[in-house]
Amino acid sequence: MVTDGQKTHVYRVGRGNYAKIDPLFECARQDLKQRFPELYTLVSKESLTNHYLRKLSSTEEAT
């Protein structure tokens, strides 16, 4: 997650693959209150924990 105080961005960065950065979310500050549930779904502790647990239980992490 990156912000300059005016916009908030969330990117997916592959492990060790900085050439491929996928944007997942972008929001202006004035829209953040309305779009916060969407942002929280992407970056909450629970969401990230579930994401990494799925990766650890799959062969995706091994490649």
C-alpha atoms as a PDB file:
ATOM      1  CA  MET A   1       0.000   0.000   0.000  1.00  0.00           C
ATOM      2  CA  VAL A   2       1.342   3.423  -1.019  1.00  0.00           C
ATOM      3  CA  THR A   3      -0.103   6.863  -0.372  1.00  0.00           C
ATOM      4  CA  ASP A   4       0.939  10.445  -1.015  1.00  0.00           C
ATOM      5  CA  GLY A   5      -1.825  11.827   1.203  1.00  0.00           C
ATOM      6  CA  GLN A   6      -4.064  12.496  -1.784  1.00  0.00           C
ATOM      7  CA  LYS A   7      -4.312   9.033  -3.350  1.00  0.00           C
ATOM      8  CA  THR A   8      -3.978   5.537  -1.935  1.00  0.00           C
ATOM      9  CA  HIS A   9      -2.690   2.695  -4.098  1.00  0.00           C
ATOM     10  CA  VAL A  10      -2.432  -1.026  -3.403  1.00  0.00           C
ATOM     11  CA  TYR A  11      -0.192  -3.171  -5.602  1.00  0.00           C
ATOM     12  CA  ARG A  12       0.531  -6.879  -5.867  1.00  0.00           C
ATOM     13  CA  VAL A  13       4.272  -7.451  -6.118  1.00  0.00           C
ATOM     14  CA  GLY A  14       5.425 -10.950  -6.950  1.00  0.00           C
ATOM     15  CA  ARG A  15       8.093 -12.382  -4.687  1.00  0.00           C
ATOM     16  CA  GLY A  16      11.422 -11.322  -6.181  1.00  0.00           C
ATOM     17  CA  ASN A  17       9.693 -10.154  -9.372  1.00  0.00           C
ATOM     18  CA  TYR A  18       9.663  -6.364  -9.184  1.00  0.00           C
ATOM     19  CA  ALA A  19       9.320  -6.060 -12.955  1.00  0.00           C
ATOM     20  CA  LYS A  20       5.686  -7.159 -12.680  1.00  0.00           C
ATOM     21  CA  ILE A  21       3.714  -4.995 -10.274  1.00  0.00           C
ATOM     22  CA  ASP A  22      -0.062  -5.350 -10.579  1.00  0.00           C
ATOM     23  CA  PRO A  23      -2.301  -2.506  -9.361  1.00  0.00           C
ATOM     24  CA  LEU A  24      -5.150  -3.796  -7.194  1.00  0.00           C
ATOM     25  CA  PHE A  25      -6.723  -0.621  -5.839  1.00  0.00           C
ATOM     26  CA  GLU A  26      -6.569   3.151  -6.302  1.00  0.00           C
ATOM     27  CA  CYS A  27      -8.607   5.739  -4.497  1.00  0.00           C
ATOM     28  CA  ALA A  28      -8.599   9.511  -4.009  1.00  0.00           C
ATOM     29  CA  ARG A  29      -8.635  10.763  -0.422  1.00  0.00           C
ATOM     30  CA  GLN A  30     -12.148  12.197  -0.723  1.00  0.00           C
ATOM     31  CA  ASP A  31     -13.475   8.764  -1.832  1.00  0.00           C
ATOM     32  CA  LEU A  32     -11.665   6.722   0.804  1.00  0.00           C
ATOM     33  CA  LYS A  33     -14.472   6.734   3.366  1.00  0.00           C
ATOM     34  CA  GLN A  34     -16.883   5.305   0.799  1.00  0.00           C
ATOM     35  CA  ARG A  35     -14.380   2.760  -0.595  1.00  0.00           C
ATOM     36  CA  PHE A  36     -12.811   1.725   2.728  1.00  0.00           C
ATOM     37  CA  PRO A  37     -14.627  -1.658   2.862  1.00  0.00           C
ATOM     38  CA  GLU A  38     -13.056  -2.566  -0.496  1.00  0.00           C
ATOM     39  CA  LEU A  39      -9.602  -1.510   0.715  1.00  0.00           C
ATOM     40  CA  TYR A  40     -10.000  -3.355   4.018  1.00  0.00           C
ATOM     41  CA  THR A  41     -10.945  -6.548   2.166  1.00  0.00           C
ATOM     42  CA  LEU A  42      -7.595  -6.389   0.355  1.00  0.00           C
ATOM     43  CA  VAL A  43      -5.226  -5.426   3.176  1.00  0.00           C
ATOM     44  CA  SER A  44      -6.711  -6.467   6.518  1.00  0.00           C
ATOM     45  CA  LYS A  45      -4.640  -8.747   8.722  1.00  0.00           C
ATOM     46  CA  GLU A  46      -7.213 -11.516   8.246  1.00  0.00           C
ATOM     47  CA  SER A  47      -7.167 -11.196   4.440  1.00  0.00           C
ATOM     48  CA  LEU A  48      -3.379 -11.211   4.258  1.00  0.00           C
ATOM     49  CA  THR A  49      -3.099 -14.127   6.691  1.00  0.00           C
ATOM     50  CA  ASN A  50      -5.553 -16.172   4.635  1.00  0.00           C
ATOM     51  CA  HIS A  51      -3.735 -15.273   1.414  1.00  0.00           C
ATOM     52  CA  TYR A  52      -0.352 -16.438   2.728  1.00  0.00           C
ATOM     53  CA  LEU A  53      -1.786 -19.572   4.329  1.00  0.00           C
ATOM     54  CA  ARG A  54      -3.278 -20.528   0.946  1.00  0.00           C
ATOM     55  CA  LYS A  55       0.084 -19.886  -0.734  1.00  0.00           C
ATOM     56  CA  LEU A  56       1.912 -22.024   1.828  1.00  0.00           C
ATOM     57  CA  SER A  57      -0.486 -24.895   1.323  1.00  0.00           C
ATOM     58  CA  SER A  58      -0.134 -24.825  -2.470  1.00  0.00           C
ATOM     59  CA  THR A  59       2.683 -25.494  -4.890  1.00  0.00           C
ATOM     60  CA  GLU A  60       2.518 -21.840  -6.015  1.00  0.00           C
ATOM     61  CA  GLU A  61       4.955 -20.819  -3.259  1.00  0.00           C
ATOM     62  CA  ALA A  62       7.477 -23.435  -4.342  1.00  0.00           C
ATOM     63  CA  THR A  63       7.806 -22.004  -7.848  1.00  0.00           C
END
